[in-house]
C-alpha atoms as a PDB file:
ATOM      1  CA  MET A   1     -10.011   3.922  12.427  1.00  0.00           C
ATOM      2  CA  ARG A   2     -11.401   6.108   9.576  1.00  0.00           C
ATOM      3  CA  ILE A   3     -12.374   4.807   6.402  1.00  0.00           C
ATOM      4  CA  TYR A   4     -12.968   7.183   3.606  1.00  0.00           C
ATOM      5  CA  PRO A   5     -16.000   6.423   1.466  1.00  0.00           C
ATOM      6  CA  LEU A   6     -15.688   5.772  -2.311  1.00  0.00           C
ATOM      7  CA  THR A   7     -17.294   9.241  -2.799  1.00  0.00           C
ATOM      8  CA  ALA A   8     -14.698  11.115  -0.929  1.00  0.00           C
ATOM      9  CA  ARG A   9     -12.406  13.392  -3.045  1.00  0.00           C
ATOM     10  CA  PRO A  10      -8.913  12.093  -3.219  1.00  0.00           C
ATOM     11  CA  LEU A  11      -6.507  14.001  -1.081  1.00  0.00           C
ATOM     12  CA  THR A  12      -4.249  16.540  -2.616  1.00  0.00           C
ATOM     13  CA  PHE A  13      -0.563  16.146  -2.435  1.00  0.00           C
ATOM     14  CA  ALA A  14      -0.492  19.202  -0.116  1.00  0.00           C
ATOM     15  CA  ALA A  15      -3.109  17.688   2.107  1.00  0.00           C
ATOM     16  CA  LEU A  16      -0.927  14.681   2.236  1.00  0.00           C
ATOM     17  CA  ALA A  17       2.063  16.495   3.051  1.00  0.00           C
ATOM     18  CA  LEU A  18       0.186  18.271   5.847  1.00  0.00           C
ATOM     19  CA  GLY A  19      -0.899  15.028   7.130  1.00  0.00           C
ATOM     20  CA  SER A  20       2.595  13.618   7.149  1.00  0.00           C
ATOM     21  CA  ALA A  21       3.911  16.652   8.975  1.00  0.00           C
ATOM     22  CA  LEU A  22       1.244  16.420  11.571  1.00  0.00           C
ATOM     23  CA  LEU A  23       2.231  12.661  12.166  1.00  0.00           C
ATOM     24  CA  SER A  24       5.756  13.881  12.878  1.00  0.00           C
ATOM     25  CA  PHE A  25       4.627  16.732  15.080  1.00  0.00           C
ATOM     26  CA  SER A  26       1.670  15.372  17.079  1.00  0.00           C
ATOM     27  CA  VAL A  27       0.350  17.344  20.114  1.00  0.00           C
ATOM     28  CA  PRO A  28       1.303  15.281  23.227  1.00  0.00           C
ATOM     29  CA  GLY A  29      -1.591  13.126  24.220  1.00  0.00           C
ATOM     30  CA  GLU A  30      -3.009  13.154  20.861  1.00  0.00           C
ATOM     31  CA  ALA A  31      -3.432   9.949  18.828  1.00  0.00           C
ATOM     32  CA  LYS A  32      -1.011   9.729  15.656  1.00  0.00           C
ATOM     33  CA  GLU A  33      -2.866   8.773  12.531  1.00  0.00           C
ATOM     34  CA  LEU A  34      -1.390   6.793   9.718  1.00  0.00           C
ATOM     35  CA  LYS A  35      -2.775   7.067   6.422  1.00  0.00           C
ATOM     36  CA  LEU A  36      -3.042   3.726   4.339  1.00  0.00           C
ATOM     37  CA  GLY A  37      -3.977   3.519   0.628  1.00  0.00           C
ATOM     38  CA  LEU A  38      -4.618   0.578  -1.548  1.00  0.00           C
ATOM     39  CA  ILE A  39      -6.157  -0.041  -5.100  1.00  0.00           C
ATOM     40  CA  THR A  40      -8.674  -2.794  -4.152  1.00  0.00           C
ATOM     41  CA  PRO A  41     -12.435  -2.438  -3.438  1.00  0.00           C
ATOM     42  CA  PRO A  42     -13.826  -2.809  -0.166  1.00  0.00           C
ATOM     43  CA  GLN A  43     -14.985  -6.410  -0.553  1.00  0.00           C
ATOM     44  CA  HIS A  44     -11.582  -7.501  -1.559  1.00  0.00           C
ATOM     45  CA  VAL A  45      -9.489  -9.534   1.010  1.00  0.00           C
ATOM     46  CA  TRP A  46      -6.622  -6.990   0.690  1.00  0.00           C
ATOM     47  CA  THR A  47      -9.000  -4.274   1.922  1.00  0.00           C
ATOM     48  CA  LYS A  48     -10.432  -6.489   4.721  1.00  0.00           C
ATOM     49  CA  ALA A  49      -6.757  -7.004   5.768  1.00  0.00           C
ATOM     50  CA  ALA A  50      -6.265  -3.351   6.042  1.00  0.00           C
ATOM     51  CA  HIS A  51      -9.425  -3.213   8.242  1.00  0.00           C
ATOM     52  CA  GLU A  52      -7.826  -6.011  10.497  1.00  0.00           C
ATOM     53  CA  PHE A  53      -4.612  -4.086  10.505  1.00  0.00           C
ATOM     54  CA  ALA A  54      -6.309  -0.879  11.611  1.00  0.00           C
ATOM     55  CA  GLU A  55      -8.323  -2.417  14.384  1.00  0.00           C
ATOM     56  CA  ARG A  56      -5.191  -4.076  15.910  1.00  0.00           C
ATOM     57  CA  VAL A  57      -3.094  -0.967  15.808  1.00  0.00           C
ATOM     58  CA  GLU A  58      -5.855   1.019  17.616  1.00  0.00           C
ATOM     59  CA  SER A  59      -6.373  -1.786  20.208  1.00  0.00           C
ATOM     60  CA  GLU A  60      -2.603  -2.731  20.781  1.00  0.00           C
ATOM     61  CA  SER A  61      -1.622   1.094  21.095  1.00  0.00           C
ATOM     62  CA  ASP A  62      -4.673   1.825  23.437  1.00  0.00           C
ATOM     63  CA  GLY A  63      -5.805   4.380  21.106  1.00  0.00           C
ATOM     64  CA  ASP A  64      -2.448   6.078  20.687  1.00  0.00           C
ATOM     65  CA  LEU A  65      -2.305   5.175  17.080  1.00  0.00           C
ATOM     66  CA  SER A  66      -5.005   5.009  14.533  1.00  0.00           C
ATOM     67  CA  VAL A  67      -5.226   4.225  10.756  1.00  0.00           C
ATOM     68  CA  ALA A  68      -7.249   6.083   8.055  1.00  0.00           C
ATOM     69  CA  LEU A  69      -8.117   3.747   5.190  1.00  0.00           C
ATOM     70  CA  PHE A  70      -8.375   4.813   1.604  1.00  0.00           C
ATOM     71  CA  PRO A  71      -9.567   1.859  -0.602  1.00  0.00           C
ATOM     72  CA  ALA A  72     -10.384   1.496  -4.153  1.00  0.00           C
ATOM     73  CA  GLY A  73      -7.646   3.929  -5.354  1.00  0.00           C
ATOM     74  CA  GLN A  74      -8.977   7.088  -3.766  1.00  0.00           C
ATOM     75  CA  LEU A  75      -5.486   8.529  -3.628  1.00  0.00           C
ATOM     76  CA  GLY A  76      -4.812   7.693  -7.221  1.00  0.00           C
ATOM     77  CA  ASP A  77      -3.552   4.768  -9.127  1.00  0.00           C
ATOM     78  CA  GLU A  78      -0.871   2.571  -7.558  1.00  0.00           C
ATOM     79  CA  PRO A  79       2.311   4.504  -9.422  1.00  0.00           C
ATOM     80  CA  ALA A  80       0.770   7.595  -7.808  1.00  0.00           C
ATOM     81  CA  MET A  81       0.530   5.970  -4.291  1.00  0.00           C
ATOM     82  CA  PHE A  82       4.169   4.850  -4.560  1.00  0.00           C
ATOM     83  CA  ALA A  83       5.508   8.182  -5.396  1.00  0.00           C
ATOM     84  CA  GLN A  84       3.489   9.606  -2.427  1.00  0.00           C
ATOM     85  CA  MET A  85       4.983   6.858  -0.194  1.00  0.00           C
ATOM     86  CA  GLN A  86       8.446   7.306  -1.467  1.00  0.00           C
ATOM     87  CA  SER A  87       8.268  11.043  -0.900  1.00  0.00           C
ATOM     88  CA  GLY A  88       6.683  10.708   2.653  1.00  0.00           C
ATOM     89  CA  LEU A  89       3.309  12.164   1.442  1.00  0.00           C
ATOM     90  CA  LEU A  90       1.467   8.840   2.321  1.00  0.00           C
ATOM     91  CA  ASP A  91       2.284   6.776   5.054  1.00  0.00           C
ATOM     92  CA  MET A  92       1.340   3.227   4.162  1.00  0.00           C
ATOM     93  CA  GLY A  93       0.025   0.872   1.324  1.00  0.00           C
ATOM     94  CA  ILE A  94      -0.920  -2.720   0.513  1.00  0.00           C
ATOM     95  CA  MET A  95       0.423  -2.747  -2.915  1.00  0.00           C
ATOM     96  CA  THR A  96       0.391  -5.363  -5.924  1.00  0.00           C
ATOM     97  CA  ALA A  97       3.622  -7.135  -6.425  1.00  0.00           C
ATOM     98  CA  ALA A  98       2.985  -6.352 -10.172  1.00  0.00           C
ATOM     99  CA  ILE A  99       3.460  -2.800  -9.758  1.00  0.00           C
ATOM    100  CA  THR A 100       5.956  -3.161  -6.957  1.00  0.00           C
ATOM    101  CA  SER A 101       8.127  -5.203  -9.662  1.00  0.00           C
ATOM    102  CA  GLN A 102       8.598  -2.010 -11.569  1.00  0.00           C
ATOM    103  CA  ARG A 103      10.906  -0.640  -8.550  1.00  0.00           C
ATOM    104  CA  GLU A 104      12.399  -3.727  -7.413  1.00  0.00           C
ATOM    105  CA  PRO A 105      12.814  -6.086 -10.564  1.00  0.00           C
ATOM    106  CA  SER A 106      13.408  -9.205  -8.351  1.00  0.00           C
ATOM    107  CA  VAL A 107       9.778  -9.230  -7.334  1.00  0.00           C
ATOM    108  CA  ASN A 108       9.141 -10.382 -10.904  1.00  0.00           C
ATOM    109  CA  GLY A 109       9.885 -13.734  -9.653  1.00  0.00           C
ATOM    110  CA  TRP A 110       6.569 -14.157  -8.150  1.00  0.00           C
ATOM    111  CA  PHE A 111       5.095 -14.178 -11.806  1.00  0.00           C
ATOM    112  CA  THR A 112       7.277 -17.384 -12.618  1.00  0.00           C
ATOM    113  CA  PRO A 113       4.567 -19.364 -14.570  1.00  0.00           C
ATOM    114  CA  PHE A 114       3.349 -22.531 -12.895  1.00  0.00           C
ATOM    115  CA  LEU A 115       5.788 -22.224  -9.840  1.00  0.00           C
ATOM    116  CA  PHE A 116       2.931 -22.726  -7.701  1.00  0.00           C
ATOM    117  CA  ASP A 117       0.064 -25.242  -7.601  1.00  0.00           C
ATOM    118  CA  SER A 118      -2.007 -23.200  -5.073  1.00  0.00           C
ATOM    119  CA  VAL A 119      -2.482 -20.279  -2.785  1.00  0.00           C
ATOM    120  CA  GLU A 120      -1.064 -22.463   0.083  1.00  0.00           C
ATOM    121  CA  ASP A 121       2.133 -22.980  -2.010  1.00  0.00           C
ATOM    122  CA  ALA A 122       2.551 -19.186  -2.487  1.00  0.00           C
ATOM    123  CA  ILE A 123       2.131 -18.564   1.241  1.00  0.00           C
ATOM    124  CA  GLN A 124       4.751 -20.850   2.033  1.00  0.00           C
ATOM    125  CA  ALA A 125       7.078 -19.476  -0.589  1.00  0.00           C
ATOM    126  CA  ALA A 126       6.773 -16.001   1.316  1.00  0.00           C
ATOM    127  CA  HIS A 127       8.958 -17.415   3.943  1.00  0.00           C
ATOM    128  CA  THR A 128      11.920 -18.409   1.725  1.00  0.00           C
ATOM    129  CA  PRO A 129      15.208 -16.264   2.286  1.00  0.00           C
ATOM    130  CA  ALA A 130      14.835 -15.004  -1.420  1.00  0.00           C
ATOM    131  CA  ALA A 131      11.333 -13.672  -0.951  1.00  0.00           C
ATOM    132  CA  GLU A 132      12.527 -11.871   2.335  1.00  0.00           C
ATOM    133  CA  GLN A 133      15.417 -10.411   0.454  1.00  0.00           C
ATOM    134  CA  MET A 134      12.900  -9.036  -2.192  1.00  0.00           C
ATOM    135  CA  LEU A 135      11.244  -7.062   0.732  1.00  0.00           C
ATOM    136  CA  ASP A 136      14.474  -5.941   2.111  1.00  0.00           C
ATOM    137  CA  ASN A 137      15.548  -4.573  -1.268  1.00  0.00           C
ATOM    138  CA  LEU A 138      12.678  -1.910  -1.182  1.00  0.00           C
ATOM    139  CA  GLU A 139      14.495  -0.205   1.876  1.00  0.00           C
ATOM    140  CA  ASP A 140      16.774   1.620  -0.457  1.00  0.00           C
ATOM    141  CA  LYS A 141      13.496   2.734  -2.407  1.00  0.00           C
ATOM    142  CA  GLY A 142      12.189   4.542   0.605  1.00  0.00           C
ATOM    143  CA  LEU A 143       9.918   1.744   1.473  1.00  0.00           C
ATOM    144  CA  HIS A 144       9.851  -0.535   4.610  1.00  0.00           C
ATOM    145  CA  ALA A 145       8.041  -3.958   3.744  1.00  0.00           C
ATOM    146  CA  PHE A 146       6.296  -6.079   6.233  1.00  0.00           C
ATOM    147  CA  GLY A 147       5.308  -9.069   4.285  1.00  0.00           C
ATOM    148  CA  TYR A 148       3.035 -10.455   1.526  1.00  0.00           C
ATOM    149  CA  THR A 149      -0.657 -11.084   1.287  1.00  0.00           C
ATOM    150  CA  PHE A 150      -2.295 -13.020  -1.588  1.00  0.00           C
ATOM    151  CA  ALA A 151      -5.263 -12.937  -3.986  1.00  0.00           C
ATOM    152  CA  GLY A 152      -6.157 -16.135  -5.617  1.00  0.00           C
ATOM    153  CA  MET A 153      -4.307 -17.947  -8.307  1.00  0.00           C
ATOM    154  CA  ARG A 154      -4.662 -16.704 -11.871  1.00  0.00           C
ATOM    155  CA  HIS A 155      -6.900 -18.305 -14.525  1.00  0.00           C
ATOM    156  CA  ILE A 156      -8.210 -17.423 -17.870  1.00  0.00           C
ATOM    157  CA  LEU A 157     -11.680 -16.288 -18.402  1.00  0.00           C
ATOM    158  CA  MET A 158     -12.910 -16.074 -21.900  1.00  0.00           C
ATOM    159  CA  ARG A 159     -16.049 -14.441 -23.415  1.00  0.00           C
ATOM    160  CA  ASP A 160     -17.011 -16.646 -26.191  1.00  0.00           C
ATOM    161  CA  HIS A 161     -15.247 -20.103 -25.774  1.00  0.00           C
ATOM    162  CA  ALA A 162     -13.221 -22.030 -23.333  1.00  0.00           C
ATOM    163  CA  VAL A 163      -9.354 -22.473 -23.485  1.00  0.00           C
ATOM    164  CA  THR A 164      -8.882 -26.141 -24.198  1.00  0.00           C
ATOM    165  CA  SER A 165      -5.474 -25.676 -25.853  1.00  0.00           C
ATOM    166  CA  LEU A 166      -3.000 -22.979 -26.705  1.00  0.00           C
ATOM    167  CA  ASP A 167      -4.393 -22.597 -30.073  1.00  0.00           C
ATOM    168  CA  ASP A 168      -7.608 -21.219 -28.345  1.00  0.00           C
ATOM    169  CA  LEU A 169      -5.503 -17.990 -27.350  1.00  0.00           C
ATOM    170  CA  ASP A 170      -4.198 -17.282 -30.787  1.00  0.00           C
ATOM    171  CA  HIS A 171      -4.856 -13.507 -31.596  1.00  0.00           C
ATOM    172  CA  GLN A 172      -7.237 -13.297 -28.716  1.00  0.00           C
ATOM    173  CA  LYS A 173      -7.186  -9.798 -26.875  1.00  0.00           C
ATOM    174  CA  ILE A 174      -6.374 -10.725 -23.132  1.00  0.00           C
ATOM    175  CA  ARG A 175      -6.473  -8.063 -20.621  1.00  0.00           C
ATOM    176  CA  ILE A 176      -3.332  -7.904 -18.522  1.00  0.00           C
ATOM    177  CA  ILE A 177      -1.705  -5.832 -16.072  1.00  0.00           C
ATOM    178  CA  PRO A 178       0.854  -3.841 -17.884  1.00  0.00           C
ATOM    179  CA  ILE A 179       4.153  -5.203 -16.477  1.00  0.00           C
ATOM    180  CA  SER A 180       6.929  -6.818 -18.278  1.00  0.00           C
ATOM    181  CA  ALA A 181       6.642 -10.230 -16.975  1.00  0.00           C
ATOM    182  CA  MET A 182       2.918 -10.740 -17.816  1.00  0.00           C
ATOM    183  CA  GLN A 183       3.435  -8.969 -21.341  1.00  0.00           C
ATOM    184  CA  THR A 184       6.277 -11.253 -21.982  1.00  0.00           C
ATOM    185  CA  TRP A 185       4.360 -14.438 -21.084  1.00  0.00           C
ATOM    186  CA  TRP A 186       1.004 -13.626 -22.701  1.00  0.00           C
ATOM    187  CA  ARG A 187       2.726 -12.453 -26.055  1.00  0.00           C
ATOM    188  CA  ALA A 188       4.433 -15.664 -26.371  1.00  0.00           C
ATOM    189  CA  THR A 189       1.058 -17.610 -25.980  1.00  0.00           C
ATOM    190  CA  GLY A 190       0.071 -16.108 -29.161  1.00  0.00           C
ATOM    191  CA  ALA A 191      -2.533 -13.862 -27.531  1.00  0.00           C
ATOM    192  CA  VAL A 192      -2.662 -10.111 -27.821  1.00  0.00           C
ATOM    193  CA  PRO A 193      -1.926  -8.889 -24.303  1.00  0.00           C
ATOM    194  CA  THR A 194      -4.074  -5.686 -23.701  1.00  0.00           C
ATOM    195  CA  PRO A 195      -3.593  -3.522 -20.859  1.00  0.00           C
ATOM    196  CA  ILE A 196      -6.669  -1.870 -19.412  1.00  0.00           C
ATOM    197  CA  GLN A 197      -7.735  -0.776 -15.827  1.00  0.00           C
ATOM    198  CA  LEU A 198      -9.523  -3.505 -13.706  1.00  0.00           C
ATOM    199  CA  PRO A 199     -12.704  -1.316 -13.366  1.00  0.00           C
ATOM    200  CA  ASP A 200     -12.844  -1.292 -17.284  1.00  0.00           C
ATOM    201  CA  VAL A 201     -12.724  -4.882 -17.737  1.00  0.00           C
ATOM    202  CA  TYR A 202     -16.509  -5.510 -17.223  1.00  0.00           C
ATOM    203  CA  GLN A 203     -17.413  -3.086 -19.911  1.00  0.00           C
ATOM    204  CA  GLY A 204     -14.557  -4.300 -22.097  1.00  0.00           C
ATOM    205  CA  LEU A 205     -15.743  -7.820 -22.200  1.00  0.00           C
ATOM    206  CA  GLN A 206     -19.518  -6.779 -22.422  1.00  0.00           C
ATOM    207  CA  ASN A 207     -18.568  -4.574 -25.647  1.00  0.00           C
ATOM    208  CA  LYS A 208     -16.165  -7.035 -27.046  1.00  0.00           C
ATOM    209  CA  MET A 209     -13.153  -4.644 -26.746  1.00  0.00           C
ATOM    210  CA  ILE A 210     -11.278  -7.703 -25.175  1.00  0.00           C
ATOM    211  CA  ASP A 211     -11.957 -11.430 -25.440  1.00  0.00           C
ATOM    212  CA  GLY A 212     -10.761 -12.417 -22.208  1.00  0.00           C
ATOM    213  CA  VAL A 213      -8.600 -11.891 -19.087  1.00  0.00           C
ATOM    214  CA  GLY A 214      -6.171 -13.265 -16.769  1.00  0.00           C
ATOM    215  CA  ILE A 215      -7.860 -13.130 -13.396  1.00  0.00           C
ATOM    216  CA  ASP A 216      -8.010 -14.561  -9.930  1.00  0.00           C
ATOM    217  CA  LEU A 217     -11.264 -15.949  -8.514  1.00  0.00           C
ATOM    218  CA  ASP A 218     -11.625 -13.162  -6.096  1.00  0.00           C
ATOM    219  CA  ALA A 219     -11.746 -10.454  -8.484  1.00  0.00           C
ATOM    220  CA  LEU A 220     -13.686 -12.329 -10.833  1.00  0.00           C
ATOM    221  CA  VAL A 221     -16.681 -12.970  -8.455  1.00  0.00           C
ATOM    222  CA  GLY A 222     -16.303  -9.684  -6.701  1.00  0.00           C
ATOM    223  CA  SER A 223     -16.501  -7.769  -9.882  1.00  0.00           C
ATOM    224  CA  GLY A 224     -19.320  -9.671 -11.557  1.00  0.00           C
ATOM    225  CA  PHE A 225     -17.136 -10.853 -14.688  1.00  0.00           C
ATOM    226  CA  ASP A 226     -19.213 -13.979 -14.828  1.00  0.00           C
ATOM    227  CA  GLU A 227     -22.157 -12.038 -16.000  1.00  0.00           C
ATOM    228  CA  VAL A 228     -20.308 -11.021 -19.272  1.00  0.00           C
ATOM    229  CA  ALA A 229     -17.839 -14.029 -19.629  1.00  0.00           C
ATOM    230  CA  GLN A 230     -19.050 -17.461 -19.362  1.00  0.00           C
ATOM    231  CA  HIS A 231     -15.982 -19.622 -19.841  1.00  0.00           C
ATOM    232  CA  LEU A 232     -13.409 -20.184 -17.117  1.00  0.00           C
ATOM    233  CA  THR A 233     -10.352 -22.386 -17.589  1.00  0.00           C
ATOM    234  CA  LEU A 234      -8.433 -23.205 -14.423  1.00  0.00           C
ATOM    235  CA  THR A 235      -4.679 -22.932 -15.108  1.00  0.00           C
ATOM    236  CA  ASN A 236      -2.989 -21.722 -11.824  1.00  0.00           C
ATOM    237  CA  HIS A 237      -0.550 -20.174 -14.147  1.00  0.00           C
ATOM    238  CA  MET A 238       0.585 -17.500 -11.718  1.00  0.00           C
ATOM    239  CA  ALA A 239       0.388 -16.402  -8.355  1.00  0.00           C
ATOM    240  CA  PHE A 240      -0.849 -12.873  -7.185  1.00  0.00           C
ATOM    241  CA  PRO A 241       0.657 -11.426  -4.149  1.00  0.00           C
ATOM    242  CA  ALA A 242       0.671  -8.007  -2.661  1.00  0.00           C
ATOM    243  CA  ILE A 243       3.093  -6.366  -0.236  1.00  0.00           C
ATOM    244  CA  ALA A 244       2.220  -4.317   2.702  1.00  0.00           C
ATOM    245  CA  MET A 245       4.720  -1.623   3.418  1.00  0.00           C
ATOM    246  CA  ILE A 246       5.358   1.713   4.998  1.00  0.00           C
ATOM    247  CA  SER A 247       7.235   4.873   3.732  1.00  0.00           C
ATOM    248  CA  THR A 248      10.600   4.795   5.628  1.00  0.00           C
ATOM    249  CA  THR A 249      10.063   8.526   6.264  1.00  0.00           C
ATOM    250  CA  THR A 250       6.931   7.608   8.441  1.00  0.00           C
ATOM    251  CA  TRP A 251       8.793   4.638   9.911  1.00  0.00           C
ATOM    252  CA  ASN A 252      11.489   6.889  10.920  1.00  0.00           C
ATOM    253  CA  THR A 253       9.003   9.236  12.890  1.00  0.00           C
ATOM    254  CA  LEU A 254       7.566   6.229  15.022  1.00  0.00           C
ATOM    255  CA  SER A 255       8.990   5.554  18.473  1.00  0.00           C
ATOM    256  CA  GLU A 256      10.376   1.904  19.133  1.00  0.00           C
ATOM    257  CA  ASN A 257       7.034   0.899  20.793  1.00  0.00           C
ATOM    258  CA  GLU A 258       5.046   2.414  17.980  1.00  0.00           C
ATOM    259  CA  ARG A 259       7.148   0.325  15.475  1.00  0.00           C
ATOM    260  CA  LYS A 260       6.554  -2.990  17.501  1.00  0.00           C
ATOM    261  CA  VAL A 261       2.659  -2.153  17.575  1.00  0.00           C
ATOM    262  CA  VAL A 262       2.520  -1.586  13.814  1.00  0.00           C
ATOM    263  CA  ASN A 263       4.813  -4.508  13.008  1.00  0.00           C
ATOM    264  CA  HIS A 264       2.927  -7.017  15.054  1.00  0.00           C
ATOM    265  CA  ALA A 265      -0.480  -5.986  13.919  1.00  0.00           C
ATOM    266  CA  MET A 266       0.377  -5.936  10.324  1.00  0.00           C
ATOM    267  CA  HIS A 267       1.934  -9.683  10.498  1.00  0.00           C
ATOM    268  CA  GLU A 268      -1.279 -10.572  12.371  1.00  0.00           C
ATOM    269  CA  ALA A 269      -3.406  -8.980   9.697  1.00  0.00           C
ATOM    270  CA  LEU A 270      -1.350 -10.698   6.866  1.00  0.00           C
ATOM    271  CA  ASP A 271      -1.586 -14.123   8.596  1.00  0.00           C
ATOM    272  CA  TRP A 272      -5.480 -13.652   8.987  1.00  0.00           C
ATOM    273  CA  ALA A 273      -5.855 -12.492   5.181  1.00  0.00           C
ATOM    274  CA  ASN A 274      -3.756 -15.446   3.871  1.00  0.00           C
ATOM    275  CA  GLN A 275      -6.034 -17.877   5.889  1.00  0.00           C
ATOM    276  CA  ALA A 276      -9.047 -16.013   4.533  1.00  0.00           C
ATOM    277  CA  GLN A 277      -7.862 -16.378   1.092  1.00  0.00           C
ATOM    278  CA  ILE A 278      -7.254 -20.170   1.199  1.00  0.00           C
ATOM    279  CA  ASP A 279     -10.970 -20.309   2.373  1.00  0.00           C
ATOM    280  CA  ALA A 280     -12.328 -17.932  -0.351  1.00  0.00           C
ATOM    281  CA  GLU A 281     -10.577 -20.034  -3.161  1.00  0.00           C
ATOM    282  CA  ALA A 282     -12.994 -22.905  -2.295  1.00  0.00           C
ATOM    283  CA  ASP A 283     -15.869 -20.748  -1.859  1.00  0.00           C
ATOM    284  CA  ASN A 284     -15.434 -18.736  -4.982  1.00  0.00           C
ATOM    285  CA  LEU A 285     -14.787 -22.000  -7.093  1.00  0.00           C
ATOM    286  CA  ALA A 286     -17.960 -23.670  -5.703  1.00  0.00           C
ATOM    287  CA  TYR A 287     -20.011 -20.524  -6.678  1.00  0.00           C
ATOM    288  CA  LEU A 288     -18.666 -20.416 -10.280  1.00  0.00           C
ATOM    289  CA  GLU A 289     -19.155 -24.001 -10.992  1.00  0.00           C
ATOM    290  CA  LYS A 290     -22.813 -23.473 -10.351  1.00  0.00           C
ATOM    291  CA  HIS A 291     -23.082 -20.326 -12.673  1.00  0.00           C
ATOM    292  CA  ILE A 292     -20.565 -20.751 -15.593  1.00  0.00           C
ATOM    293  CA  ASP A 293     -18.666 -23.138 -17.653  1.00  0.00           C
ATOM    294  CA  VAL A 294     -15.592 -24.223 -15.512  1.00  0.00           C
ATOM    295  CA  ARG A 295     -12.828 -26.449 -16.842  1.00  0.00           C
ATOM    296  CA  HIS A 296      -9.575 -27.812 -15.695  1.00  0.00           C
ATOM    297  CA  LEU A 297      -6.671 -27.639 -18.150  1.00  0.00           C
ATOM    298  CA  ASP A 298      -4.580 -30.383 -16.487  1.00  0.00           C
ATOM    299  CA  ASP A 299      -1.628 -30.184 -18.834  1.00  0.00           C
ATOM    300  CA  ALA A 300      -1.292 -26.403 -18.884  1.00  0.00           C
ATOM    301  CA  LYS A 301       2.232 -26.299 -18.000  1.00  0.00           C
ATOM    302  CA  THR A 302       3.215 -28.492 -20.921  1.00  0.00           C
ATOM    303  CA  GLN A 303       0.965 -26.550 -23.225  1.00  0.00           C
ATOM    304  CA  PHE A 304       2.456 -23.182 -22.501  1.00  0.00           C
ATOM    305  CA  ALA A 305       6.053 -24.336 -22.476  1.00  0.00           C
ATOM    306  CA  LYS A 306       6.894 -21.816 -25.079  1.00  0.00           C
ATOM    307  CA  ALA A 307       5.521 -18.855 -23.029  1.00  0.00           C
ATOM    308  CA  ASN A 308       7.239 -20.335 -19.994  1.00  0.00           C
ATOM    309  CA  ALA A 309      10.654 -20.388 -21.786  1.00  0.00           C
ATOM    310  CA  ALA A 310      10.076 -16.982 -22.859  1.00  0.00           C
ATOM    311  CA  PHE A 311       9.697 -15.715 -19.198  1.00  0.00           C
ATOM    312  CA  ASP A 312      12.643 -17.723 -18.260  1.00  0.00           C
ATOM    313  CA  ASP A 313      15.029 -16.358 -20.774  1.00  0.00           C
ATOM    314  CA  LYS A 314      14.205 -12.687 -19.636  1.00  0.00           C
ATOM    315  CA  PHE A 315      13.745 -12.971 -15.932  1.00  0.00           C
ATOM    316  CA  SER A 316      15.187 -16.266 -14.550  1.00  0.00           C
ATOM    317  CA  VAL A 317      18.701 -14.931 -15.362  1.00  0.00           C
ATOM    318  CA  LEU A 318      18.364 -12.487 -12.596  1.00  0.00           C
ATOM    319  CA  PRO A 319      20.237 -14.015  -9.494  1.00  0.00           C
ATOM    320  CA  LEU A 320      17.648 -13.410  -6.909  1.00  0.00           C
ATOM    321  CA  ILE A 321      14.754 -14.684  -9.066  1.00  0.00           C
ATOM    322  CA  SER A 322      16.837 -17.756  -9.858  1.00  0.00           C
ATOM    323  CA  GLN A 323      17.389 -18.342  -6.092  1.00  0.00           C
ATOM    324  CA  PHE A 324      13.739 -17.888  -5.456  1.00  0.00           C
ATOM    325  CA  GLN A 325      12.667 -20.487  -8.070  1.00  0.00           C
ATOM    326  CA  GLN A 326      15.221 -22.875  -6.573  1.00  0.00           C
ATOM    327  CA  GLN A 327      13.963 -22.356  -3.059  1.00  0.00           C
ATOM    328  CA  VAL A 328      10.443 -22.853  -4.017  1.00  0.00           C
ATOM    329  CA  ALA A 329      11.355 -25.963  -5.802  1.00  0.00           C
ATOM    330  CA  ASP A 330      13.189 -27.236  -2.717  1.00  0.00           C
ATOM    331  CA  GLN A 331      10.181 -26.529  -0.751  1.00  0.00           C
ATOM    332  CA  HIS A 332       8.215 -28.855  -2.958  1.00  0.00           C
ATOM    333  CA  THR A 333      10.804 -31.618  -2.630  1.00  0.00           C
ATOM    334  CA  GLU A 334      10.544 -31.438   1.072  1.00  0.00           C
ATOM    335  CA  GLN A 335       6.897 -31.972   1.114  1.00  0.00           C
END
C-alpha cells in the first residue's frame, strides 16, 4: 500500500492515464496497483476505511494487488475525481453521496430530512432494496459501486448563538455543500445557504463570513471548528453517507479472482468503518459536551416542517426516492 503525503503534487491526467494503462498491461508476476482518491483528510473515518481496504487487498491477494491512496483531495475536488473515474483515468474512490447525487438523482433520497434518528438507522437503511438500486444505477455512469459508509448525523453549529427555534436561523449565513437537496432545505428554513469548501469553514467562521454550518461531529472535532464556534444544536436533521466505487473501465480489467478480492476487502472495510463511526459518535459528543455549549432540539422535525415539505415537493416525487423513504419507514415499524 502506498499513501501519498499531503505535500505530494496531484497527478496529472496524463500520469493517471499511464497508471491506468499499466494496470491493464502489467508485466506478469508484478503486482497490479489500484489508485484510490478521496476528499477526506487522514484522520477521517472514510480515509481510515480506505487504509483498511488497502491492507486487506494486499493480504487477501498475497501481494498480487496493491492500492495507492490519495487522501485530502490530492487528485482534485470530487467532480474532478468523478470525471477521472468515469474516463478510466482514476481507478477508485470513496465519494460523498452529496456529489454522487449530481450524477444519480435518486441518491438525494439519503438527504431526506429527519428520515433517520441515528447513524445506526442509516446503516440499516443501506440494505434496503431501494438503496441497493441507487448503487446499481451508477453502472451506466461508468461506475461500479460496492456500498455505503457513513460520517455522523448532521447538526447545526453556530458562531454566536444557539439554535433554539427556527427563528434563530432567519437570514443567517449557513455553510452548505452546494447540492440541490441541501440548498432547497436550508433556503426554506429562512437561512442563507452559503456554499464554501470545507477547508475554508474555519476561517469563514473566524472572520464572520458565515454564521454557522450544517456539520457532522466527526468533521466538527477533526477540523477544530469548536475553537471558533461555540454553540452546537443537536438536530439529526440529515444523514451523510459516502459511496465506495470503482471505475468500470478498471473493473473490467480485473480477473474474476481479483474482483472477488476487491469486493470482499471493500465490504469488510465498509463494515469496519460503519462500526467505528457508531463508536465515534459517542466519543465526539462526549468531547464536545465538555468544551462548548451543546443543546438538543427535541422538536426539530416539527419546527422544520416547512423546510421538510419543500424537500418533499421537489425530491419525494421521484419514484426511487419515494420507495426508499417507505422502506426506511417500514424498517422503523418492524423494530
